[in-house]
Amino acid sequence: MSRSLTARLLRGTVLATMAICALLGTGIYLAVRRTLTAEFDGGLLARAEALQSMVEQRRDHVHFEFDPAQMPEYASGHDTDFSQLRLDGKPFARSASLAMTSLTALPDAGGRAAFHPLTLPGGHPGRMLVLHFRADADNDDIPANAHAAATLVVARRTRGLDRTMGEVLILLLTLCGGA
């Protein structure tokens, strides 16, 4: 009789411990994923703001003062970033890394930067930032409503993020499995 009681208590304790480990592991994984994705998105936003600062309107012409030598991460190559600028909904400029392909811009998210997962040219997983803004004018002669509507799409591969999350998952599974 005491053997069966001991076995039931032990089984209940093991199951409760497994459930607690699973919940804690899931919570830790989701928190780490959210934090690392926010950091990744912050990097995308910084890159987009750097590109946005290069868009300037002079009278009725918009200039994009992008110098590929200053930003080699947008050159075509193995591990590059991607960018595309649209003015009034029409393609205006794109990074060499895009070649003849395009990044699909999504509708305006109410003036906020919008981050989305996507499949990049070449089939790699990535994240993109869609940023809608008005081109800056080099003088005050242009009324605010006459500034060109611009959409900037910046994207990067998530290989590093995905690899790190895989390592976190293996670590958590090992820790929870060992408990």
Foldseek 3Di string as FASTA:
>chain_A
DVVVVVVVVVVVVVVVLLVVLVVVLVVVLVVVLVVVVVVVVVVQVVVVVVQLVQWEDEDQDIGRPDDCVVPVLLAADDFHKWKWKDWPNHTDDIGNNQPPHDDDADDDPPQDKDKDWDQHPVRATKMKIKGWDFHHYPDPPADPVSTIIMIMMIMGGCVVVVVVSVVSSVVSCVVSVVD
